[in-house]
Protein backbone atom coordinates (compact mmCIF):
# COMPACT_ATOMS: atom_id res chain seq x y z
CA UNK A 1 0.00 0.00 0.00
CA UNK A 2 2.97 2.31 0.57
CA UNK A 3 3.82 2.27 -3.14
CA UNK A 4 0.21 3.05 -4.08
CA UNK A 5 0.02 5.89 -1.55
CA UNK A 6 2.92 7.66 -3.28
CA UNK A 7 1.68 7.21 -6.85
CA UNK A 8 0.55 10.40 -8.58
CA UNK A 9 -3.17 10.84 -9.24
CA UNK A 10 -5.05 9.58 -11.24
CA UNK A 11 -4.24 6.02 -10.17
CA UNK A 12 -5.54 2.80 -11.66
CA UNK A 13 -5.11 -0.18 -9.39
CA UNK A 14 -6.00 -3.69 -10.49
CA UNK A 15 -6.75 -6.19 -7.75
CA UNK A 16 -8.37 -9.56 -7.27
CA UNK A 17 -9.26 -8.78 -3.67
CA UNK A 18 -12.85 -9.28 -2.57
CA UNK A 19 -14.65 -6.20 -1.25
CA UNK A 20 -14.20 -7.26 2.39
CA UNK A 21 -10.40 -7.11 2.01
CA UNK A 22 -10.30 -3.59 0.52
CA UNK A 23 -9.27 -0.74 2.85
CA UNK A 24 -11.80 0.04 5.60
CA UNK A 25 -12.27 3.62 4.29
CA UNK A 26 -13.69 2.15 1.08
CA UNK A 27 -15.84 -0.41 2.90
CA UNK A 28 -17.43 2.15 5.22
CA UNK A 29 -17.96 4.78 2.50
CA UNK A 30 -15.48 7.31 3.90
CA UNK A 31 -13.64 7.17 0.58
CA UNK A 32 -15.61 6.55 -2.58
CA UNK A 33 -13.27 5.68 -5.46
CA UNK A 34 -14.64 4.61 -8.80
CA UNK A 35 -14.65 0.82 -8.81
CA UNK A 36 -15.10 -1.29 -11.91
CA UNK A 37 -16.18 -4.84 -11.12
CA UNK A 38 -15.60 -7.36 -13.88
CA UNK A 39 -17.14 -10.82 -13.81
CA UNK A 40 -16.42 -13.42 -16.46
CA UNK A 41 -18.93 -15.73 -18.06
CA UNK A 42 -18.49 -19.16 -16.36
CA UNK A 43 -18.37 -20.83 -19.80
CA UNK A 44 -15.44 -18.61 -20.75
CA UNK A 45 -13.70 -19.37 -17.45
CA UNK A 46 -14.11 -23.11 -18.01
CA UNK A 47 -12.74 -23.07 -21.57
CA UNK A 48 -9.84 -20.82 -20.57
CA UNK A 49 -8.98 -23.03 -17.60
CA UNK A 50 -9.14 -26.14 -19.79
CA UNK A 51 -6.58 -24.68 -22.23
CA UNK A 52 -4.42 -23.49 -19.33
CA UNK A 53 -4.30 -26.99 -17.85
CA UNK A 54 -3.58 -28.57 -21.23
CA UNK A 55 -0.63 -26.22 -21.83
CA UNK A 56 0.81 -26.08 -18.31
CA UNK A 57 -0.03 -29.47 -16.82
CA UNK A 58 -0.38 -31.71 -19.86
CA UNK A 59 -4.05 -32.39 -19.11
CA UNK A 60 -5.12 -35.12 -21.56
CA UNK A 61 -8.85 -35.63 -21.04
CA UNK A 62 -11.47 -34.30 -23.47
CA UNK A 63 -13.16 -30.94 -23.10
CA UNK A 64 -16.40 -32.74 -22.21
CA UNK A 65 -14.67 -34.62 -19.38
CA UNK A 66 -13.07 -31.41 -18.16
CA UNK A 67 -16.42 -29.58 -18.16
CA UNK A 68 -17.94 -32.38 -16.05
CA UNK A 69 -15.04 -32.11 -13.59
CA UNK A 70 -15.26 -28.30 -13.56
CA UNK A 71 -19.02 -28.26 -12.92
CA UNK A 72 -18.73 -30.91 -10.22
CA UNK A 73 -15.70 -29.20 -8.62
CA UNK A 74 -13.46 -32.21 -9.11
CA UNK A 75 -9.75 -31.51 -8.60
CA UNK A 76 -7.14 -33.90 -10.02
CA UNK A 77 -9.68 -36.67 -10.45
CA UNK A 78 -10.89 -36.43 -6.83
CA UNK A 79 -14.04 -34.83 -5.53
PDB file of N, CA and C in Angstrom:
ATOM      1  N   UNK A   1       0.823  -1.197   0.000  1.00  0.00           N
ATOM      2  CA  UNK A   1       0.000   0.000   0.000  1.00  0.00           C
ATOM      3  C   UNK A   1       0.865   1.258   0.000  1.00  0.00           C
ATOM      4  N   UNK A   2       2.073   1.155   0.524  1.00  0.00           N
ATOM      5  CA  UNK A   2       2.969   2.313   0.572  1.00  0.00           C
ATOM      6  C   UNK A   2       3.289   2.810  -0.838  1.00  0.00           C
ATOM      7  N   UNK A   3       3.530   1.901  -1.744  1.00  0.00           N
ATOM      8  CA  UNK A   3       3.823   2.274  -3.140  1.00  0.00           C
ATOM      9  C   UNK A   3       2.627   2.996  -3.743  1.00  0.00           C
ATOM     10  N   UNK A   4       1.433   2.454  -3.532  1.00  0.00           N
ATOM     11  CA  UNK A   4       0.212   3.053  -4.080  1.00  0.00           C
ATOM     12  C   UNK A   4      -0.016   4.441  -3.489  1.00  0.00           C
ATOM     13  N   UNK A   5       0.244   4.604  -2.219  1.00  0.00           N
ATOM     14  CA  UNK A   5       0.025   5.890  -1.552  1.00  0.00           C
ATOM     15  C   UNK A   5       0.881   7.001  -2.165  1.00  0.00           C
ATOM     16  N   UNK A   6       2.024   6.651  -2.707  1.00  0.00           N
ATOM     17  CA  UNK A   6       2.924   7.657  -3.279  1.00  0.00           C
ATOM     18  C   UNK A   6       2.809   7.792  -4.797  1.00  0.00           C
ATOM     19  N   UNK A   7       1.890   7.074  -5.408  1.00  0.00           N
ATOM     20  CA  UNK A   7       1.679   7.208  -6.851  1.00  0.00           C
ATOM     21  C   UNK A   7       0.937   8.504  -7.134  1.00  0.00           C
ATOM     22  N   UNK A   8       1.285   9.182  -8.246  1.00  0.00           N
ATOM     23  CA  UNK A   8       0.553  10.401  -8.583  1.00  0.00           C
ATOM     24  C   UNK A   8      -0.879  10.072  -9.012  1.00  0.00           C
ATOM     25  N   UNK A   9      -1.783  11.024  -8.786  1.00  0.00           N
ATOM     26  CA  UNK A   9      -3.170  10.839  -9.240  1.00  0.00           C
ATOM     27  C   UNK A   9      -3.203  11.050 -10.736  1.00  0.00           C
ATOM     28  N   UNK A  10      -4.002  10.556 -11.425  1.00  0.00           N
ATOM     29  CA  UNK A  10      -5.048   9.582 -11.243  1.00  0.00           C
ATOM     30  C   UNK A  10      -4.441   8.181 -11.268  1.00  0.00           C
ATOM     31  N   UNK A  11      -4.802   7.365 -10.288  1.00  0.00           N
ATOM     32  CA  UNK A  11      -4.241   6.019 -10.174  1.00  0.00           C
ATOM     33  C   UNK A  11      -5.257   4.991 -10.639  1.00  0.00           C
ATOM     34  N   UNK A  12      -4.737   3.958 -11.272  1.00  0.00           N
ATOM     35  CA  UNK A  12      -5.539   2.802 -11.660  1.00  0.00           C
ATOM     36  C   UNK A  12      -4.901   1.601 -11.001  1.00  0.00           C
ATOM     37  N   UNK A  13      -5.644   0.947 -10.146  1.00  0.00           N
ATOM     38  CA  UNK A  13      -5.109  -0.176  -9.388  1.00  0.00           C
ATOM     39  C   UNK A  13      -5.956  -1.409  -9.682  1.00  0.00           C
ATOM     40  N   UNK A  14      -5.314  -2.432 -10.185  1.00  0.00           N
ATOM     41  CA  UNK A  14      -6.001  -3.686 -10.485  1.00  0.00           C
ATOM     42  C   UNK A  14      -5.788  -4.635  -9.309  1.00  0.00           C
ATOM     43  N   UNK A  15      -6.867  -5.254  -8.861  1.00  0.00           N
ATOM     44  CA  UNK A  15      -6.751  -6.191  -7.753  1.00  0.00           C
ATOM     45  C   UNK A  15      -7.748  -7.331  -7.926  1.00  0.00           C
ATOM     46  N   UNK A  16      -7.450  -8.425  -7.306  1.00  0.00           N
ATOM     47  CA  UNK A  16      -8.370  -9.564  -7.274  1.00  0.00           C
ATOM     48  C   UNK A  16      -8.977  -9.703  -5.881  1.00  0.00           C
ATOM     49  N   UNK A  17      -8.749  -8.718  -5.046  1.00  0.00           N
ATOM     50  CA  UNK A  17      -9.258  -8.785  -3.674  1.00  0.00           C
ATOM     51  C   UNK A  17     -10.777  -8.683  -3.638  1.00  0.00           C
ATOM     52  N   UNK A  18     -11.411  -9.463  -2.775  1.00  0.00           N
ATOM     53  CA  UNK A  18     -12.854  -9.284  -2.575  1.00  0.00           C
ATOM     54  C   UNK A  18     -13.090  -7.991  -1.796  1.00  0.00           C
ATOM     55  N   UNK A  19     -14.302  -7.479  -1.873  1.00  0.00           N
ATOM     56  CA  UNK A  19     -14.646  -6.202  -1.250  1.00  0.00           C
ATOM     57  C   UNK A  19     -14.265  -6.157   0.227  1.00  0.00           C
ATOM     58  N   UNK A  20     -14.469  -7.261   0.949  1.00  0.00           N
ATOM     59  CA  UNK A  20     -14.197  -7.255   2.394  1.00  0.00           C
ATOM     60  C   UNK A  20     -12.714  -7.147   2.735  1.00  0.00           C
ATOM     61  N   UNK A  21     -11.830  -7.265   1.746  1.00  0.00           N
ATOM     62  CA  UNK A  21     -10.405  -7.109   2.005  1.00  0.00           C
ATOM     63  C   UNK A  21      -9.858  -5.767   1.501  1.00  0.00           C
ATOM     64  N   UNK A  22     -10.719  -4.933   0.930  1.00  0.00           N
ATOM     65  CA  UNK A  22     -10.296  -3.593   0.524  1.00  0.00           C
ATOM     66  C   UNK A  22     -10.157  -2.727   1.772  1.00  0.00           C
ATOM     67  N   UNK A  23      -9.443  -1.601   1.670  1.00  0.00           N
ATOM     68  CA  UNK A  23      -9.271  -0.741   2.851  1.00  0.00           C
ATOM     69  C   UNK A  23     -10.605  -0.367   3.504  1.00  0.00           C
ATOM     70  N   UNK A  24     -10.581  -0.256   4.830  1.00  0.00           N
ATOM     71  CA  UNK A  24     -11.796   0.039   5.602  1.00  0.00           C
ATOM     72  C   UNK A  24     -12.470   1.333   5.158  1.00  0.00           C
ATOM     73  N   UNK A  25     -11.683   2.348   4.727  1.00  0.00           N
ATOM     74  CA  UNK A  25     -12.269   3.619   4.293  1.00  0.00           C
ATOM     75  C   UNK A  25     -13.163   3.429   3.069  1.00  0.00           C
ATOM     76  N   UNK A  26     -12.847   2.452   2.250  1.00  0.00           N
ATOM     77  CA  UNK A  26     -13.693   2.151   1.083  1.00  0.00           C
ATOM     78  C   UNK A  26     -14.925   1.377   1.539  1.00  0.00           C
ATOM     79  N   UNK A  27     -14.727   0.407   2.418  1.00  0.00           N
ATOM     80  CA  UNK A  27     -15.843  -0.413   2.895  1.00  0.00           C
ATOM     81  C   UNK A  27     -16.889   0.409   3.631  1.00  0.00           C
ATOM     82  N   UNK A  28     -16.458   1.392   4.429  1.00  0.00           N
ATOM     83  CA  UNK A  28     -17.427   2.154   5.217  1.00  0.00           C
ATOM     84  C   UNK A  28     -17.922   3.413   4.508  1.00  0.00           C
ATOM     85  N   UNK A  29     -17.463   3.653   3.288  1.00  0.00           N
ATOM     86  CA  UNK A  29     -17.960   4.781   2.504  1.00  0.00           C
ATOM     87  C   UNK A  29     -17.244   6.095   2.750  1.00  0.00           C
ATOM     88  N   UNK A  30     -16.240   6.087   3.624  1.00  0.00           N
ATOM     89  CA  UNK A  30     -15.476   7.312   3.896  1.00  0.00           C
ATOM     90  C   UNK A  30     -14.783   7.799   2.624  1.00  0.00           C
ATOM     91  N   UNK A  31     -14.234   6.857   1.883  1.00  0.00           N
ATOM     92  CA  UNK A  31     -13.635   7.167   0.584  1.00  0.00           C
ATOM     93  C   UNK A  31     -14.449   6.436  -0.468  1.00  0.00           C
ATOM     94  N   UNK A  32     -14.733   7.116  -1.569  1.00  0.00           N
ATOM     95  CA  UNK A  32     -15.607   6.547  -2.583  1.00  0.00           C
ATOM     96  C   UNK A  32     -14.934   6.570  -3.965  1.00  0.00           C
ATOM     97  N   UNK A  33     -13.926   5.712  -4.150  1.00  0.00           N
ATOM     98  CA  UNK A  33     -13.272   5.682  -5.458  1.00  0.00           C
ATOM     99  C   UNK A  33     -14.191   5.047  -6.490  1.00  0.00           C
ATOM    100  N   UNK A  34     -13.903   5.300  -7.738  1.00  0.00           N
ATOM    101  CA  UNK A  34     -14.642   4.609  -8.797  1.00  0.00           C
ATOM    102  C   UNK A  34     -14.109   3.183  -8.844  1.00  0.00           C
ATOM    103  N   UNK A  35     -15.024   2.234  -8.790  1.00  0.00           N
ATOM    104  CA  UNK A  35     -14.648   0.824  -8.814  1.00  0.00           C
ATOM    105  C   UNK A  35     -15.345   0.165  -9.992  1.00  0.00           C
ATOM    106  N   UNK A  36     -14.549  -0.526 -10.790  1.00  0.00           N
ATOM    107  CA  UNK A  36     -15.104  -1.289 -11.913  1.00  0.00           C
ATOM    108  C   UNK A  36     -14.996  -2.760 -11.536  1.00  0.00           C
ATOM    109  N   UNK A  37     -16.133  -3.413 -11.464  1.00  0.00           N
ATOM    110  CA  UNK A  37     -16.178  -4.835 -11.116  1.00  0.00           C
ATOM    111  C   UNK A  37     -16.388  -5.625 -12.401  1.00  0.00           C
ATOM    112  N   UNK A  38     -15.508  -6.567 -12.664  1.00  0.00           N
ATOM    113  CA  UNK A  38     -15.603  -7.360 -13.882  1.00  0.00           C
ATOM    114  C   UNK A  38     -15.825  -8.818 -13.484  1.00  0.00           C
ATOM    115  N   UNK A  39     -16.857  -9.412 -14.046  1.00  0.00           N
ATOM    116  CA  UNK A  39     -17.136 -10.825 -13.808  1.00  0.00           C
ATOM    117  C   UNK A  39     -17.140 -11.536 -15.154  1.00  0.00           C
ATOM    118  N   UNK A  40     -16.493 -12.681 -15.215  1.00  0.00           N
ATOM    119  CA  UNK A  40     -16.422 -13.420 -16.465  1.00  0.00           C
ATOM    120  C   UNK A  40     -17.565 -14.433 -16.559  1.00  0.00           C
ATOM    121  N   UNK A  41     -17.949 -14.698 -17.783  1.00  0.00           N
ATOM    122  CA  UNK A  41     -18.929 -15.732 -18.058  1.00  0.00           C
ATOM    123  C   UNK A  41     -18.326 -17.074 -17.621  1.00  0.00           C
ATOM    124  N   UNK A  42     -19.032 -17.873 -16.814  1.00  0.00           N
ATOM    125  CA  UNK A  42     -18.490 -19.160 -16.357  1.00  0.00           C
ATOM    126  C   UNK A  42     -18.070 -20.084 -17.513  1.00  0.00           C
ATOM    127  N   UNK A  43     -18.758 -20.003 -18.640  1.00  0.00           N
ATOM    128  CA  UNK A  43     -18.373 -20.827 -19.796  1.00  0.00           C
ATOM    129  C   UNK A  43     -16.989 -20.420 -20.284  1.00  0.00           C
ATOM    130  N   UNK A  44     -16.743 -19.119 -20.333  1.00  0.00           N
ATOM    131  CA  UNK A  44     -15.440 -18.607 -20.754  1.00  0.00           C
ATOM    132  C   UNK A  44     -14.355 -19.030 -19.770  1.00  0.00           C
ATOM    133  N   UNK A  45     -14.659 -18.963 -18.482  1.00  0.00           N
ATOM    134  CA  UNK A  45     -13.702 -19.372 -17.453  1.00  0.00           C
ATOM    135  C   UNK A  45     -13.340 -20.844 -17.633  1.00  0.00           C
ATOM    136  N   UNK A  46     -14.335 -21.675 -17.864  1.00  0.00           N
ATOM    137  CA  UNK A  46     -14.115 -23.111 -18.010  1.00  0.00           C
ATOM    138  C   UNK A  46     -13.220 -23.415 -19.216  1.00  0.00           C
ATOM    139  N   UNK A  47     -13.536 -22.827 -20.358  1.00  0.00           N
ATOM    140  CA  UNK A  47     -12.739 -23.075 -21.575  1.00  0.00           C
ATOM    141  C   UNK A  47     -11.312 -22.565 -21.387  1.00  0.00           C
ATOM    142  N   UNK A  48     -11.164 -21.385 -20.812  1.00  0.00           N
ATOM    143  CA  UNK A  48      -9.840 -20.817 -20.575  1.00  0.00           C
ATOM    144  C   UNK A  48      -9.027 -21.701 -19.625  1.00  0.00           C
ATOM    145  N   UNK A  49      -9.670 -22.176 -18.573  1.00  0.00           N
ATOM    146  CA  UNK A  49      -8.984 -23.029 -17.599  1.00  0.00           C
ATOM    147  C   UNK A  49      -8.596 -24.361 -18.227  1.00  0.00           C
ATOM    148  N   UNK A  50      -9.458 -24.896 -19.084  1.00  0.00           N
ATOM    149  CA  UNK A  50      -9.137 -26.136 -19.793  1.00  0.00           C
ATOM    150  C   UNK A  50      -7.842 -25.962 -20.595  1.00  0.00           C
ATOM    151  N   UNK A  51      -7.764 -24.908 -21.402  1.00  0.00           N
ATOM    152  CA  UNK A  51      -6.577 -24.685 -22.230  1.00  0.00           C
ATOM    153  C   UNK A  51      -5.343 -24.409 -21.373  1.00  0.00           C
ATOM    154  N   UNK A  52      -5.529 -23.731 -20.256  1.00  0.00           N
ATOM    155  CA  UNK A  52      -4.422 -23.487 -19.333  1.00  0.00           C
ATOM    156  C   UNK A  52      -3.867 -24.804 -18.812  1.00  0.00           C
ATOM    157  N   UNK A  53      -4.751 -25.688 -18.380  1.00  0.00           N
ATOM    158  CA  UNK A  53      -4.298 -26.986 -17.846  1.00  0.00           C
ATOM    159  C   UNK A  53      -3.652 -27.849 -18.914  1.00  0.00           C
ATOM    160  N   UNK A  54      -4.189 -27.798 -20.140  1.00  0.00           N
ATOM    161  CA  UNK A  54      -3.579 -28.568 -21.234  1.00  0.00           C
ATOM    162  C   UNK A  54      -2.150 -28.080 -21.467  1.00  0.00           C
ATOM    163  N   UNK A  55      -1.959 -26.777 -21.525  1.00  0.00           N
ATOM    164  CA  UNK A  55      -0.631 -26.223 -21.832  1.00  0.00           C
ATOM    165  C   UNK A  55       0.353 -26.312 -20.666  1.00  0.00           C
ATOM    166  N   UNK A  56      -0.113 -26.132 -19.443  1.00  0.00           N
ATOM    167  CA  UNK A  56       0.814 -26.082 -18.311  1.00  0.00           C
ATOM    168  C   UNK A  56       0.961 -27.392 -17.558  1.00  0.00           C
ATOM    169  N   UNK A  57      -0.073 -28.230 -17.602  1.00  0.00           N
ATOM    170  CA  UNK A  57      -0.033 -29.468 -16.820  1.00  0.00           C
ATOM    171  C   UNK A  57      -0.090 -30.731 -17.679  1.00  0.00           C
ATOM    172  N   UNK A  58      -0.272 -30.550 -18.983  1.00  0.00           N
ATOM    173  CA  UNK A  58      -0.380 -31.715 -19.859  1.00  0.00           C
ATOM    174  C   UNK A  58      -1.680 -32.474 -19.692  1.00  0.00           C
ATOM    175  N   UNK A  59      -2.736 -31.777 -19.291  1.00  0.00           N
ATOM    176  CA  UNK A  59      -4.053 -32.392 -19.115  1.00  0.00           C
ATOM    177  C   UNK A  59      -4.445 -33.075 -20.417  1.00  0.00           C
ATOM    178  N   UNK A  60      -4.877 -34.345 -20.346  1.00  0.00           N
ATOM    179  CA  UNK A  60      -5.118 -35.124 -21.562  1.00  0.00           C
ATOM    180  C   UNK A  60      -6.561 -35.552 -21.776  1.00  0.00           C
ATOM    181  N   UNK A  61      -7.452 -35.230 -20.869  1.00  0.00           N
ATOM    182  CA  UNK A  61      -8.849 -35.634 -21.044  1.00  0.00           C
ATOM    183  C   UNK A  61      -9.531 -34.709 -22.041  1.00  0.00           C
ATOM    184  N   UNK A  62     -10.717 -35.106 -22.497  1.00  0.00           N
ATOM    185  CA  UNK A  62     -11.469 -34.303 -23.465  1.00  0.00           C
ATOM    186  C   UNK A  62     -12.075 -33.073 -22.790  1.00  0.00           C
ATOM    187  N   UNK A  63     -12.493 -32.141 -23.621  1.00  0.00           N
ATOM    188  CA  UNK A  63     -13.162 -30.941 -23.105  1.00  0.00           C
ATOM    189  C   UNK A  63     -14.418 -31.343 -22.341  1.00  0.00           C
ATOM    190  N   UNK A  64     -15.175 -32.298 -22.881  1.00  0.00           N
ATOM    191  CA  UNK A  64     -16.402 -32.741 -22.205  1.00  0.00           C
ATOM    192  C   UNK A  64     -16.108 -33.287 -20.809  1.00  0.00           C
ATOM    193  N   UNK A  65     -15.035 -34.083 -20.697  1.00  0.00           N
ATOM    194  CA  UNK A  65     -14.667 -34.617 -19.383  1.00  0.00           C
ATOM    195  C   UNK A  65     -14.247 -33.485 -18.443  1.00  0.00           C
ATOM    196  N   UNK A  66     -13.500 -32.533 -18.992  1.00  0.00           N
ATOM    197  CA  UNK A  66     -13.071 -31.408 -18.163  1.00  0.00           C
ATOM    198  C   UNK A  66     -14.264 -30.605 -17.674  1.00  0.00           C
ATOM    199  N   UNK A  67     -15.229 -30.354 -18.552  1.00  0.00           N
ATOM    200  CA  UNK A  67     -16.420 -29.583 -18.163  1.00  0.00           C
ATOM    201  C   UNK A  67     -17.146 -30.299 -17.025  1.00  0.00           C
ATOM    202  N   UNK A  68     -17.285 -31.618 -17.130  1.00  0.00           N
ATOM    203  CA  UNK A  68     -17.936 -32.375 -16.051  1.00  0.00           C
ATOM    204  C   UNK A  68     -17.181 -32.207 -14.737  1.00  0.00           C
ATOM    205  N   UNK A  69     -15.850 -32.282 -14.798  1.00  0.00           N
ATOM    206  CA  UNK A  69     -15.042 -32.105 -13.590  1.00  0.00           C
ATOM    207  C   UNK A  69     -15.168 -30.678 -13.046  1.00  0.00           C
ATOM    208  N   UNK A  70     -15.166 -29.710 -13.944  1.00  0.00           N
ATOM    209  CA  UNK A  70     -15.263 -28.301 -13.558  1.00  0.00           C
ATOM    210  C   UNK A  70     -16.598 -28.028 -12.864  1.00  0.00           C
ATOM    211  N   UNK A  71     -17.683 -28.492 -13.474  1.00  0.00           N
ATOM    212  CA  UNK A  71     -19.018 -28.263 -12.925  1.00  0.00           C
ATOM    213  C   UNK A  71     -19.190 -28.963 -11.577  1.00  0.00           C
ATOM    214  N   UNK A  72     -18.601 -30.140 -11.462  1.00  0.00           N
ATOM    215  CA  UNK A  72     -18.725 -30.914 -10.219  1.00  0.00           C
ATOM    216  C   UNK A  72     -17.612 -30.632  -9.213  1.00  0.00           C
ATOM    217  N   UNK A  73     -16.786 -29.629  -9.514  1.00  0.00           N
ATOM    218  CA  UNK A  73     -15.696 -29.196  -8.622  1.00  0.00           C
ATOM    219  C   UNK A  73     -14.751 -30.340  -8.278  1.00  0.00           C
ATOM    220  N   UNK A  74     -14.381 -31.112  -9.294  1.00  0.00           N
ATOM    221  CA  UNK A  74     -13.463 -32.211  -9.109  1.00  0.00           C
ATOM    222  C   UNK A  74     -12.052 -31.699  -9.376  1.00  0.00           C
ATOM    223  N   UNK A  75     -11.131 -31.953  -8.451  1.00  0.00           N
ATOM    224  CA  UNK A  75      -9.754 -31.506  -8.597  1.00  0.00           C
ATOM    225  C   UNK A  75      -8.840 -32.713  -8.699  1.00  0.00           C
ATOM    226  N   UNK A  76      -8.093 -32.796  -9.801  1.00  0.00           N
ATOM    227  CA  UNK A  76      -7.138 -33.902 -10.015  1.00  0.00           C
ATOM    228  C   UNK A  76      -7.796 -35.271  -9.898  1.00  0.00           C
ATOM    229  N   UNK A  77      -9.001 -35.396 -10.436  1.00  0.00           N
ATOM    230  CA  UNK A  77      -9.679 -36.675 -10.450  1.00  0.00           C
ATOM    231  C   UNK A  77     -10.342 -37.047  -9.131  1.00  0.00           C
ATOM    232  N   UNK A  78     -10.284 -36.159  -8.143  1.00  0.00           N
ATOM    233  CA  UNK A  78     -10.886 -36.428  -6.826  1.00  0.00           C
ATOM    234  C   UNK A  78     -11.959 -35.386  -6.551  1.00  0.00           C
ATOM    235  N   UNK A  79     -12.973 -35.780  -5.879  1.00  0.00           N
ATOM    236  CA  UNK A  79     -14.036 -34.828  -5.527  1.00  0.00           C
ATOM    237  C   UNK A  79     -13.792 -34.249  -4.163  1.00  0.00           C
TER     238      UNK A  79
END
